[in-house]
Protein backbone atom coordinates (compact mmCIF):
# COMPACT_ATOMS: atom_id res chain seq x y z
CA UNK A 1 -60.62 91.40 5.36
CA UNK A 2 -59.87 88.57 7.79
CA UNK A 3 -62.11 86.39 9.89
CA UNK A 4 -59.55 86.04 12.70
CA UNK A 5 -56.86 88.19 14.23
CA UNK A 6 -53.27 87.38 13.15
CA UNK A 7 -49.91 88.22 14.72
CA UNK A 8 -48.20 91.43 13.58
CA UNK A 9 -51.17 92.49 11.45
CA UNK A 10 -49.86 96.03 10.93
CA UNK A 11 -46.43 94.76 9.88
CA UNK A 12 -48.03 92.43 7.35
CA UNK A 13 -50.08 95.33 6.01
CA UNK A 14 -46.89 97.33 5.54
CA UNK A 15 -45.27 94.41 3.72
CA UNK A 16 -48.27 94.04 1.39
CA UNK A 17 -48.22 97.77 0.76
CA UNK A 18 -44.53 97.65 -0.18
CA UNK A 19 -45.09 94.57 -2.36
CA UNK A 20 -48.08 95.93 -4.28
CA UNK A 21 -46.99 99.59 -4.48
CA UNK A 22 -50.30 100.84 -3.10
CA UNK A 23 -51.86 101.26 0.32
CA UNK A 24 -53.08 97.95 1.74
CA UNK A 25 -55.05 97.67 4.97
CA UNK A 26 -55.56 94.40 6.83
CA UNK A 27 -58.58 94.39 9.13
CA UNK A 28 -60.81 92.04 11.10
CA UNK A 29 -64.37 93.41 10.78
CA UNK A 30 -66.45 93.26 13.95
CA UNK A 31 -69.80 94.52 12.67
CA UNK A 32 -71.72 95.72 9.64
CA UNK A 33 -71.54 94.78 5.97
CA UNK A 34 -67.88 93.73 6.06
CA UNK A 35 -68.55 91.40 8.99
CA UNK A 36 -71.45 89.85 7.05
CA UNK A 37 -69.19 89.42 4.02
CA UNK A 38 -66.64 87.51 6.10
CA UNK A 39 -69.38 85.37 7.67
CA UNK A 40 -70.63 84.45 4.19
CA UNK A 41 -67.10 83.53 3.06
CA UNK A 42 -66.67 81.35 6.16
CA UNK A 43 -69.95 79.54 5.47
CA UNK A 44 -68.90 78.89 1.88
CA UNK A 45 -65.53 77.59 3.07
CA UNK A 46 -67.15 75.22 5.57
CA UNK A 47 -69.51 73.87 2.92
CA UNK A 48 -66.66 73.38 0.44
CA UNK A 49 -64.60 71.59 3.08
CA UNK A 50 -67.56 69.38 3.95
CA UNK A 51 -68.03 68.40 0.29
CA UNK A 52 -64.33 67.62 -0.07
CA UNK A 53 -64.31 65.48 3.05
CA UNK A 54 -67.39 63.63 1.81
CA UNK A 55 -65.79 63.09 -1.59
CA UNK A 56 -62.57 61.87 0.03
CA UNK A 57 -64.48 59.51 2.30
CA UNK A 58 -66.35 58.09 -0.69
CA UNK A 59 -63.10 57.74 -2.63
CA UNK A 60 -61.45 55.96 0.30
CA UNK A 61 -64.38 53.55 0.51
CA UNK A 62 -64.17 52.85 -3.22
CA UNK A 63 -60.43 52.24 -2.98
CA UNK A 64 -60.96 49.77 -0.13
CA UNK A 65 -63.63 47.95 -2.15
CA UNK A 66 -61.36 47.96 -5.21
CA UNK A 67 -58.58 46.42 -3.13
CA UNK A 68 -60.88 43.67 -1.88
CA UNK A 69 -62.37 42.98 -5.32
CA UNK A 70 -59.01 42.50 -7.03
CA UNK A 71 -57.22 40.94 -4.07
CA UNK A 72 -54.61 43.68 -3.78
CA UNK A 73 -52.00 43.51 -1.00
CA UNK A 74 -53.06 46.94 0.27
CA UNK A 75 -55.46 49.77 -0.46
CA UNK A 76 -53.93 51.59 -3.45
CA UNK A 77 -52.67 55.13 -2.97
CA UNK A 78 -51.53 55.48 -6.57
CA UNK A 79 -53.32 53.89 -9.52
CA UNK A 80 -51.92 54.24 -13.04
CA UNK A 81 -54.23 53.60 -15.99
CA UNK A 82 -52.90 53.20 -19.54
CA UNK A 83 -54.63 53.55 -22.90
CA UNK A 84 -53.60 54.38 -26.46
CA UNK A 85 -55.08 56.16 -29.46
CA UNK A 86 -54.28 57.50 -32.92
CA UNK A 87 -55.55 59.96 -35.53
CA UNK A 88 -57.13 58.12 -38.47
CA UNK A 89 -54.34 55.56 -38.62
CA UNK A 90 -51.40 57.86 -37.86
CA UNK A 91 -49.70 59.52 -34.89
CA UNK A 92 -50.05 56.64 -32.42
CA UNK A 93 -49.91 57.87 -28.85
CA UNK A 94 -50.09 56.27 -25.43
CA UNK A 95 -51.50 57.87 -22.32
CA UNK A 96 -51.13 57.35 -18.59
CA UNK A 97 -53.45 58.86 -16.00
CA UNK A 98 -52.99 58.76 -12.24
CA UNK A 99 -55.61 58.51 -9.49
CA UNK A 100 -55.45 58.27 -5.73
CA UNK A 101 -57.38 58.99 -2.54
CA UNK A 102 -57.82 62.65 -3.56
CA UNK A 103 -59.11 61.78 -7.04
CA UNK A 104 -57.35 62.33 -10.36
CA UNK A 105 -53.80 63.72 -10.18
CA UNK A 106 -53.80 65.55 -13.49
CA UNK A 107 -50.39 67.13 -12.98
CA UNK A 108 -48.92 63.62 -13.11
CA UNK A 109 -50.56 62.50 -16.37
CA UNK A 110 -48.10 61.48 -19.10
CA UNK A 111 -48.29 60.94 -22.85
CA UNK A 112 -46.06 58.69 -24.98
CA UNK A 113 -45.53 59.26 -28.68
CA UNK A 114 -45.04 55.74 -30.00
CA UNK A 115 -41.63 55.19 -31.60
CA UNK A 116 -41.32 51.54 -32.59
CA UNK A 117 -44.83 50.21 -33.28
CA UNK A 118 -47.41 50.67 -35.98
CA UNK A 119 -50.95 51.88 -35.55
CA UNK A 120 -53.22 48.94 -34.80
CA UNK A 121 -50.63 47.03 -32.81
CA UNK A 122 -52.34 47.62 -29.47
CA UNK A 123 -50.28 44.94 -27.73
CA UNK A 124 -47.02 46.41 -29.01
CA UNK A 125 -48.07 49.91 -28.02
CA UNK A 126 -48.88 48.78 -24.50
CA UNK A 127 -45.54 47.01 -24.20
CA UNK A 128 -43.58 50.05 -25.41
CA UNK A 129 -45.47 52.39 -23.12
CA UNK A 130 -44.87 50.31 -19.99
CA UNK A 131 -41.23 49.65 -20.87
CA UNK A 132 -40.56 53.37 -21.19
CA UNK A 133 -42.52 54.30 -18.08
CA UNK A 134 -40.89 51.74 -15.80
CA UNK A 135 -37.38 52.13 -17.19
CA UNK A 136 -37.60 55.79 -16.28
CA UNK A 137 -39.15 54.98 -12.91
CA UNK A 138 -36.34 52.55 -12.11
CA UNK A 139 -33.74 55.16 -12.99
CA UNK A 140 -35.39 58.05 -11.16
CA UNK A 141 -36.78 56.28 -8.09
CA UNK A 142 -35.05 52.90 -7.64
CA UNK A 143 -36.47 50.89 -4.79
CA UNK A 144 -34.07 49.75 -2.12
CA UNK A 145 -33.86 46.10 -1.20
CA UNK A 146 -36.70 45.25 1.13
CA UNK A 147 -39.11 47.86 -0.21
CA UNK A 148 -40.77 45.31 -2.46
CA UNK A 149 -41.51 43.05 0.48
CA UNK A 150 -42.76 46.03 2.49
CA UNK A 151 -45.12 46.96 -0.33
CA UNK A 152 -46.51 43.46 -0.50
CA UNK A 153 -47.34 43.22 3.17
CA UNK A 154 -48.63 46.80 3.26
CA UNK A 155 -47.19 49.95 4.79
CA UNK A 156 -48.74 51.99 7.58
CA UNK A 157 -51.36 54.44 6.28
CA UNK A 158 -49.79 57.61 4.94
CA UNK A 159 -46.26 56.24 4.79
CA UNK A 160 -44.51 56.93 1.50
CA UNK A 161 -47.77 58.41 0.21
CA UNK A 162 -45.97 60.43 -2.47
CA UNK A 163 -44.06 57.49 -3.94
CA UNK A 164 -44.10 57.54 -7.76
CA UNK A 165 -44.45 53.75 -7.74
CA UNK A 166 -48.00 52.58 -8.47
CA UNK A 167 -49.89 50.22 -6.17
CA UNK A 168 -51.99 49.14 -9.16
CA UNK A 169 -51.58 49.31 -12.94
CA UNK A 170 -54.75 49.08 -15.04
CA UNK A 171 -54.64 48.72 -18.80
CA UNK A 172 -57.34 48.93 -21.44
CA UNK A 173 -57.48 45.60 -23.24
CA UNK A 174 -57.79 41.88 -22.84
CA UNK A 175 -55.55 38.95 -22.04
CA UNK A 176 -53.07 39.84 -24.82
CA UNK A 177 -52.42 43.28 -23.40
CA UNK A 178 -52.16 41.85 -19.90
CA UNK A 179 -49.55 39.29 -20.95
CA UNK A 180 -47.59 41.95 -22.85
CA UNK A 181 -47.62 44.20 -19.79
CA UNK A 182 -46.57 41.36 -17.52
CA UNK A 183 -43.69 40.35 -19.79
CA UNK A 184 -42.51 43.95 -20.23
CA UNK A 185 -42.35 44.49 -16.48
CA UNK A 186 -40.78 41.09 -15.80
CA UNK A 187 -37.97 41.86 -18.26
CA UNK A 188 -37.20 44.94 -16.16
CA UNK A 189 -37.28 42.93 -12.94
CA UNK A 190 -40.57 44.44 -11.78
CA UNK A 191 -42.72 41.55 -10.63
CA UNK A 192 -44.55 42.94 -7.61
CA UNK A 193 -46.81 45.62 -9.16
CA UNK A 194 -50.42 44.35 -9.41
CA UNK A 195 -51.82 44.34 -12.95
CA UNK A 196 -55.43 44.38 -14.13
CA UNK A 197 -56.64 44.60 -17.74
CA UNK A 198 -60.14 45.77 -18.65
CA UNK A 199 -61.72 44.08 -21.67
CA UNK A 200 -64.91 45.52 -23.14
CA UNK A 201 -67.93 43.29 -23.68
CA UNK A 202 -68.88 41.80 -27.05
CA UNK A 203 -71.14 44.77 -27.80
CA UNK A 204 -68.63 47.15 -26.19
CA UNK A 205 -71.35 48.14 -23.74
CA UNK A 206 -70.44 49.57 -20.37
CA UNK A 207 -71.24 47.06 -17.65
CA UNK A 208 -70.15 44.01 -19.66
CA UNK A 209 -66.41 44.38 -18.94
CA UNK A 210 -64.24 41.38 -18.11
CA UNK A 211 -61.22 41.85 -15.86
CA UNK A 212 -58.04 39.82 -16.31
CA UNK A 213 -55.33 39.44 -13.65
CA UNK A 214 -52.18 37.32 -13.64
CA UNK A 215 -52.68 33.80 -12.27
CA UNK A 216 -56.37 34.36 -11.55
CA UNK A 217 -59.53 33.46 -13.45
CA UNK A 218 -61.28 36.26 -15.38
CA UNK A 219 -63.68 38.33 -13.32
CA UNK A 220 -66.96 40.09 -14.07
CA UNK A 221 -68.60 42.51 -11.66
CA UNK A 222 -72.28 43.03 -10.97
CA UNK A 223 -73.78 45.67 -13.29
CA UNK A 224 -74.48 48.06 -10.40
CA UNK A 225 -71.34 47.38 -8.40
CA UNK A 226 -69.84 50.75 -7.29
CA UNK A 227 -66.36 49.34 -8.03
CA UNK A 228 -67.41 48.75 -11.65
CA UNK A 229 -68.55 52.38 -11.97
CA UNK A 230 -65.30 53.53 -10.39
CA UNK A 231 -63.15 51.49 -12.78
CA UNK A 232 -65.22 52.67 -15.75
CA UNK A 233 -64.56 56.26 -14.66
CA UNK A 234 -60.82 55.56 -14.50
CA UNK A 235 -60.82 53.91 -17.93
CA UNK A 236 -62.93 56.67 -19.48
CA UNK A 237 -60.56 59.33 -18.13
CA UNK A 238 -57.59 57.48 -19.62
CA UNK A 239 -59.42 57.21 -22.95
CA UNK A 240 -60.35 60.92 -22.85
CA UNK A 241 -56.75 61.90 -22.20
CA UNK A 242 -55.39 59.60 -24.92
CA UNK A 243 -57.85 60.89 -27.53
CA UNK A 244 -57.18 64.49 -26.48
């Protein structure tokens, strides 16, 4: 049942019949119960689209505020968040989640079974994870000369939106993890990707986080700042994925 007429409707019905091995009819109801069914489906679709547009608008606003808060060169289209975990002192694993204007991109999440560090060495785990991630990124999607400068000044909206290169890397941890991440990337020649580390408060309470960035003083956000809630959601998703 369709809400609108389509070209070659009968031919499409024949194709669906051949594909499925049973009689298929394609019709556009004009009255009665079938017409009401289509009207209901259309209303549901409009409501779902409205919710998605509202969610996207809110996400875009949060990303703009995030960019302003952390002094990013442009509104991020790809954020990578890293965390690590283990099982009672064994099986250390790292995790990367990805978020963007449409929300979480779960098909791009990655896990890293740690190879060269011991459980408890959070700094070493972060270094290994970023080294492996960006070595692979450099080999699979090397950036041509001039792209770094273009990224720093900002590209037109929508351009290169599917690039696997992050506009922001966030890591769970304090200044030690930040320095390890910075050194790992610098050794690979990657010096233009913004880094932010998220350190929990003394009581590990949400809302007491301190944010560290290279060459900038530590930053705390207001307890009810929407950006703080947004970053907490990113960090919690990374933690959930790592533990899982």
